[in-house]
Amino acid sequence: MPTATEKEQLLLDHLRAQKAIAIAYSGGVDSTYLADCAHQALGTNAHILIADSPSLPRSELQEATQLAQARGWNLQIIYPREHENPAYLANTGNRCFHCKEALFTHMNHFTQANPDIALAYGAIEDDRTDHRPGTQAAQLHNAIAPLQNVGLYKSEIRELSQKRGLPTAEKASFACLGSRFPTGTPIDLKKLSQVEAAEEILRNKGYKQYRIRHHDDLCRIEVDPTDFERLLADRDTLIPALKATGYRHITLDISGYRTGSTT
């Protein structure tokens, strides 16, 4: 079994074998690490593409672009406009596929002028056991998963990111704002903005792992159970602030933060 460091060397060799590559970058742990390795391997031939979308909070976009600029990456912003697709807005269970389909379609538009550019995204070894509709979209566009191809796990990527001095090494997991709506609840730009504003309140309070689950006029907060006591202590300031975003009812989900929650 190769070590994390050995896997990173395999990754760099794999990336250097490409003439050029376009990385789907979101500012998360995995895509940030992949982007940094691609930049090391290919320099300006590593095209780091971040999608500016209503489902990406402005604070996340700002952090991601500032990091890319600080690392000297060849960053470019693309606009997939997945929110213009009625199938995405219907949120009937394949929202993630339509989102990633729009992303890879626009990445393909970017690379049309140079067919030697390979498309890549940040799937990792852990993802093989998860339901990932976005993987289907990636396969349709022949996008490669370099991290997964060398068998890198999340824990190893965090370790290697730490060695590289990447601030995302300990970053909490994040999913697009569209994931905050129960399956079957239609999404619109106003609702996305409401969720973003509510989550920004928690972010500014210093919470690291959180979700605002949207149920019409009810806001269901998910945080790590270790933050329950703190959140209840903050309720006198949190409740009016969250209600100011448009919610009438503010609740705490005592199940705690859960990945992939769609209800």
Protein backbone atom coordinates (compact mmCIF):
# COMPACT_ATOMS: atom_id res chain seq x y z
CA MET A 1 0.00 0.00 0.00
CA PRO A 2 1.66 3.26 -1.09
CA THR A 3 1.96 6.10 1.41
CA ALA A 4 0.22 9.43 0.94
CA THR A 5 3.51 10.97 -0.18
CA GLU A 6 4.04 8.19 -2.72
CA LYS A 7 0.51 8.70 -4.03
CA GLU A 8 1.21 12.40 -4.45
CA GLN A 9 4.26 11.60 -6.56
CA LEU A 10 2.13 9.29 -8.70
CA LEU A 11 -0.39 12.11 -9.03
CA LEU A 12 2.25 14.60 -10.16
CA ASP A 13 3.57 12.09 -12.71
CA HIS A 14 0.03 11.52 -13.97
CA LEU A 15 -0.57 15.25 -14.31
CA ARG A 16 2.74 15.84 -16.09
CA ALA A 17 1.69 13.24 -18.67
CA GLN A 18 -1.05 15.65 -19.77
CA LYS A 19 -0.21 18.38 -22.26
CA ALA A 20 -2.64 20.67 -20.48
CA ILE A 21 -5.50 20.26 -18.05
CA ALA A 22 -8.62 22.15 -16.94
CA ILE A 23 -9.49 21.62 -13.28
CA ALA A 24 -13.00 22.07 -11.92
CA TYR A 25 -12.14 24.14 -8.85
CA SER A 26 -14.59 24.99 -6.07
CA GLY A 27 -12.37 26.10 -3.19
CA GLY A 28 -13.02 22.89 -1.28
CA VAL A 29 -10.39 20.58 0.21
CA ASP A 30 -10.08 18.20 -2.74
CA SER A 31 -10.23 20.52 -5.73
CA THR A 32 -7.86 22.98 -4.05
CA TYR A 33 -5.27 20.27 -3.50
CA LEU A 34 -5.71 19.01 -7.07
CA ALA A 35 -5.35 22.54 -8.44
CA ASP A 36 -2.16 23.12 -6.48
CA CYS A 37 -0.65 19.86 -7.72
CA ALA A 38 -1.69 20.61 -11.30
CA HIS A 39 -0.07 24.04 -11.06
CA GLN A 40 3.14 22.44 -9.77
CA ALA A 41 3.13 19.86 -12.56
CA LEU A 42 2.04 22.00 -15.51
CA GLY A 43 2.37 25.67 -14.58
CA THR A 44 0.20 27.88 -16.78
CA ASN A 45 -0.94 24.80 -18.71
CA ALA A 46 -3.02 23.98 -15.66
CA HIS A 47 -6.22 25.96 -16.22
CA ILE A 48 -8.05 26.35 -12.91
CA LEU A 49 -11.73 26.98 -13.63
CA ILE A 50 -14.15 28.11 -10.95
CA ALA A 51 -17.87 28.29 -11.63
CA ASP A 52 -19.58 31.50 -10.55
CA SER A 53 -23.12 30.42 -9.76
CA PRO A 54 -25.98 31.46 -7.46
CA SER A 55 -25.46 28.15 -5.65
CA LEU A 56 -21.96 29.22 -4.57
CA PRO A 57 -21.92 31.76 -1.71
CA ARG A 58 -20.14 35.01 -2.49
CA SER A 59 -17.85 34.52 0.51
CA GLU A 60 -16.78 31.09 -0.79
CA LEU A 61 -16.12 32.51 -4.27
CA GLN A 62 -14.06 35.34 -2.81
CA GLU A 63 -11.98 33.02 -0.63
CA ALA A 64 -11.37 30.62 -3.51
CA THR A 65 -10.29 33.33 -5.95
CA GLN A 66 -8.03 35.01 -3.38
CA LEU A 67 -6.34 31.69 -2.64
CA ALA A 68 -5.81 30.98 -6.34
CA GLN A 69 -4.30 34.42 -6.87
CA ALA A 70 -2.04 34.03 -3.84
CA ARG A 71 -0.76 30.68 -5.17
CA GLY A 72 -0.17 32.10 -8.64
CA TRP A 73 -2.57 29.73 -10.41
CA ASN A 74 -3.93 30.30 -13.89
CA LEU A 75 -7.47 30.96 -12.65
CA GLN A 76 -10.44 31.70 -14.84
CA ILE A 77 -14.08 32.17 -13.92
CA ILE A 78 -16.82 30.45 -15.92
CA TYR A 79 -20.60 30.85 -15.74
CA PRO A 80 -22.45 27.54 -16.16
CA ARG A 81 -25.93 29.04 -15.52
CA GLU A 82 -27.38 25.77 -14.26
CA HIS A 83 -30.14 27.81 -12.61
CA GLU A 84 -31.57 28.53 -16.06
CA ASN A 85 -32.36 24.84 -16.52
CA PRO A 86 -35.92 23.99 -15.36
CA ALA A 87 -34.81 20.42 -14.60
CA TYR A 88 -32.26 21.75 -12.09
CA LEU A 89 -34.79 24.09 -10.47
CA ALA A 90 -37.38 21.30 -10.18
CA ASN A 91 -35.04 19.52 -7.72
CA THR A 92 -36.64 16.14 -8.28
CA GLY A 93 -33.63 14.06 -7.26
CA ASN A 94 -31.17 14.60 -10.10
CA ARG A 95 -30.30 18.22 -9.33
CA CYS A 96 -26.63 17.38 -8.83
CA PHE A 97 -26.42 15.74 -12.25
CA HIS A 98 -27.89 18.79 -13.99
CA CYS A 99 -25.55 21.09 -12.07
CA LYS A 100 -22.45 19.11 -13.02
CA GLU A 101 -23.71 18.63 -16.57
CA ALA A 102 -23.84 22.42 -16.94
CA LEU A 103 -20.39 22.74 -15.38
CA PHE A 104 -18.68 20.23 -17.67
CA THR A 105 -20.52 21.56 -20.72
CA HIS A 106 -19.09 25.01 -20.06
CA MET A 107 -15.67 23.57 -19.33
CA ASN A 108 -15.88 21.89 -22.73
CA HIS A 109 -16.69 25.25 -24.30
CA PHE A 110 -13.55 26.62 -22.69
CA THR A 111 -11.38 23.82 -24.09
CA GLN A 112 -12.85 23.71 -27.61
CA ALA A 113 -10.06 25.91 -28.95
CA ASN A 114 -7.48 23.40 -27.68
CA PRO A 115 -8.51 19.74 -27.82
CA ASP A 116 -5.30 18.77 -25.99
CA ILE A 117 -6.70 20.10 -22.72
CA ALA A 118 -8.02 17.30 -20.51
CA LEU A 119 -10.97 17.94 -18.18
CA ALA A 120 -10.46 16.94 -14.54
CA TYR A 121 -12.40 17.14 -11.31
CA GLY A 122 -11.76 16.41 -7.65
CA ALA A 123 -13.42 13.04 -7.03
CA ILE A 124 -11.53 11.02 -4.41
CA GLU A 125 -11.31 7.41 -3.29
CA ASP A 126 -13.93 7.93 -0.55
CA ASP A 127 -16.48 8.87 -3.23
CA ARG A 128 -16.57 5.36 -4.68
CA THR A 129 -18.89 4.29 -1.86
CA ASP A 130 -21.19 7.34 -2.14
CA HIS A 131 -24.06 8.10 -4.51
CA ARG A 132 -22.56 10.78 -6.74
CA PRO A 133 -24.83 11.83 -9.65
CA GLY A 134 -22.16 14.31 -10.70
CA THR A 135 -19.89 11.38 -11.57
CA GLN A 136 -22.27 10.40 -14.36
CA ALA A 137 -22.02 13.90 -15.83
CA ALA A 138 -18.23 13.76 -15.57
CA GLN A 139 -18.13 10.45 -17.41
CA LEU A 140 -20.36 11.81 -20.19
CA HIS A 141 -17.76 14.52 -20.77
CA ASN A 142 -14.75 12.22 -20.39
CA ALA A 143 -13.54 14.14 -17.34
CA ILE A 144 -10.79 12.38 -15.42
CA ALA A 145 -10.48 12.05 -11.63
CA PRO A 146 -6.71 12.19 -10.93
CA LEU A 147 -7.05 12.00 -7.14
CA GLN A 148 -9.22 8.93 -7.36
CA ASN A 149 -7.00 7.37 -9.99
CA VAL A 150 -4.07 7.28 -7.55
CA GLY A 151 -6.25 6.15 -4.64
CA LEU A 152 -6.12 9.27 -2.47
CA TYR A 153 -8.50 9.43 0.50
CA LYS A 154 -9.82 12.58 2.18
CA SER A 155 -7.63 12.08 5.27
CA GLU A 156 -4.54 11.81 3.07
CA ILE A 157 -5.49 14.90 1.07
CA ARG A 158 -5.86 16.87 4.29
CA GLU A 159 -2.44 15.65 5.41
CA LEU A 160 -0.80 16.53 2.10
CA SER A 161 -2.60 19.89 1.96
CA GLN A 162 -1.17 20.70 5.38
CA LYS A 163 2.35 19.98 4.12
CA ARG A 164 1.72 22.30 1.18
CA GLY A 165 0.54 25.09 3.45
CA LEU A 166 -2.92 25.12 1.95
CA PRO A 167 -5.48 26.83 4.23
CA THR A 168 -8.10 24.29 3.14
CA ALA A 169 -6.32 21.44 4.96
CA GLU A 170 -8.78 21.63 7.85
CA LYS A 171 -11.68 23.22 5.97
CA ALA A 172 -15.12 21.83 6.75
CA SER A 173 -16.94 19.97 4.00
CA PHE A 174 -19.20 22.10 1.84
CA ALA A 175 -21.89 21.43 -0.75
CA CYS A 176 -23.67 23.83 -3.08
CA LEU A 177 -26.59 25.82 -1.70
CA GLY A 178 -28.99 23.80 -3.84
CA SER A 179 -28.44 20.88 -1.47
CA ARG A 180 -30.23 22.76 1.32
CA PHE A 181 -33.67 22.06 -0.16
CA PRO A 182 -35.56 18.78 0.36
CA THR A 183 -35.89 16.69 -2.77
CA GLY A 184 -39.07 17.77 -4.55
CA THR A 185 -38.95 21.35 -3.26
CA PRO A 186 -38.44 23.67 -6.24
CA ILE A 187 -35.45 25.99 -6.09
CA ASP A 188 -35.38 29.62 -7.15
CA LEU A 189 -32.84 32.42 -6.90
CA LYS A 190 -34.67 34.19 -4.06
CA LYS A 191 -34.61 31.05 -1.92
CA LEU A 192 -30.93 30.43 -2.68
CA SER A 193 -30.14 33.99 -1.60
CA GLN A 194 -32.14 33.52 1.60
CA VAL A 195 -30.22 30.36 2.50
CA GLU A 196 -26.92 32.05 1.67
CA ALA A 197 -27.74 35.02 3.91
CA ALA A 198 -28.74 32.73 6.78
CA GLU A 199 -25.60 30.61 6.50
CA GLU A 200 -23.46 33.73 6.34
CA ILE A 201 -24.77 34.63 9.79
CA LEU A 202 -23.49 31.32 11.18
CA ARG A 203 -20.21 31.73 9.32
CA ASN A 204 -19.68 35.21 10.77
CA LYS A 205 -20.38 33.80 14.22
CA GLY A 206 -17.45 31.46 13.77
CA TYR A 207 -19.26 28.16 13.19
CA LYS A 208 -17.27 25.83 10.93
CA GLN A 209 -19.60 22.94 10.07
CA TYR A 210 -23.20 24.01 9.50
CA ARG A 211 -26.14 23.84 7.16
CA ILE A 212 -29.37 25.84 6.89
CA ARG A 213 -32.05 23.43 5.67
CA HIS A 214 -34.85 25.32 3.94
CA HIS A 215 -38.47 24.34 4.62
CA ASP A 216 -40.51 27.29 3.32
CA ASP A 217 -40.73 29.68 6.29
CA LEU A 218 -38.94 27.27 8.64
CA CYS A 219 -35.16 27.27 8.99
CA ARG A 220 -33.68 24.00 10.30
CA ILE A 221 -30.15 24.47 11.56
CA GLU A 222 -27.66 21.62 11.44
CA VAL A 223 -24.40 22.03 13.33
CA ASP A 224 -21.96 19.61 14.88
CA PRO A 225 -23.40 18.29 18.18
CA THR A 226 -20.39 19.74 19.98
CA ASP A 227 -21.74 23.18 18.97
CA PHE A 228 -25.26 22.65 20.37
CA GLU A 229 -24.55 24.36 23.69
CA ARG A 230 -22.83 27.26 21.99
CA LEU A 231 -25.65 27.73 19.48
CA LEU A 232 -28.27 27.79 22.21
CA ALA A 233 -26.20 30.37 24.06
CA ASP A 234 -26.19 32.47 20.87
CA ARG A 235 -29.92 32.16 20.25
CA ASP A 236 -30.83 35.67 21.47
CA THR A 237 -28.76 37.15 18.66
CA LEU A 238 -29.20 34.36 16.12
CA ILE A 239 -33.00 34.23 16.12
CA PRO A 240 -33.66 37.88 15.15
CA ALA A 241 -30.81 37.81 12.62
CA LEU A 242 -32.14 34.64 10.95
CA LYS A 243 -35.70 35.93 11.00
CA ALA A 244 -34.49 39.05 9.24
CA THR A 245 -33.58 36.84 6.25
CA GLY A 246 -37.26 35.87 5.90
CA TYR A 247 -37.73 32.81 8.11
CA ARG A 248 -40.58 32.77 10.65
CA HIS A 249 -39.49 29.67 12.57
CA ILE A 250 -35.94 28.83 13.64
CA THR A 251 -35.22 25.27 14.75
CA LEU A 252 -32.18 23.22 15.76
CA ASP A 253 -31.95 19.69 14.37
CA ILE A 254 -30.79 17.61 17.34
CA SER A 255 -29.55 14.92 14.93
CA GLY A 256 -26.69 17.30 14.19
CA TYR A 257 -24.91 18.01 10.94
CA ARG A 258 -25.26 15.22 8.35
CA THR A 259 -23.77 14.98 4.88
CA GLY A 260 -26.12 14.25 2.03
CA SER A 261 -29.30 15.15 3.91
CA THR A 262 -32.16 15.72 1.46
CA THR A 263 -35.13 15.80 3.82
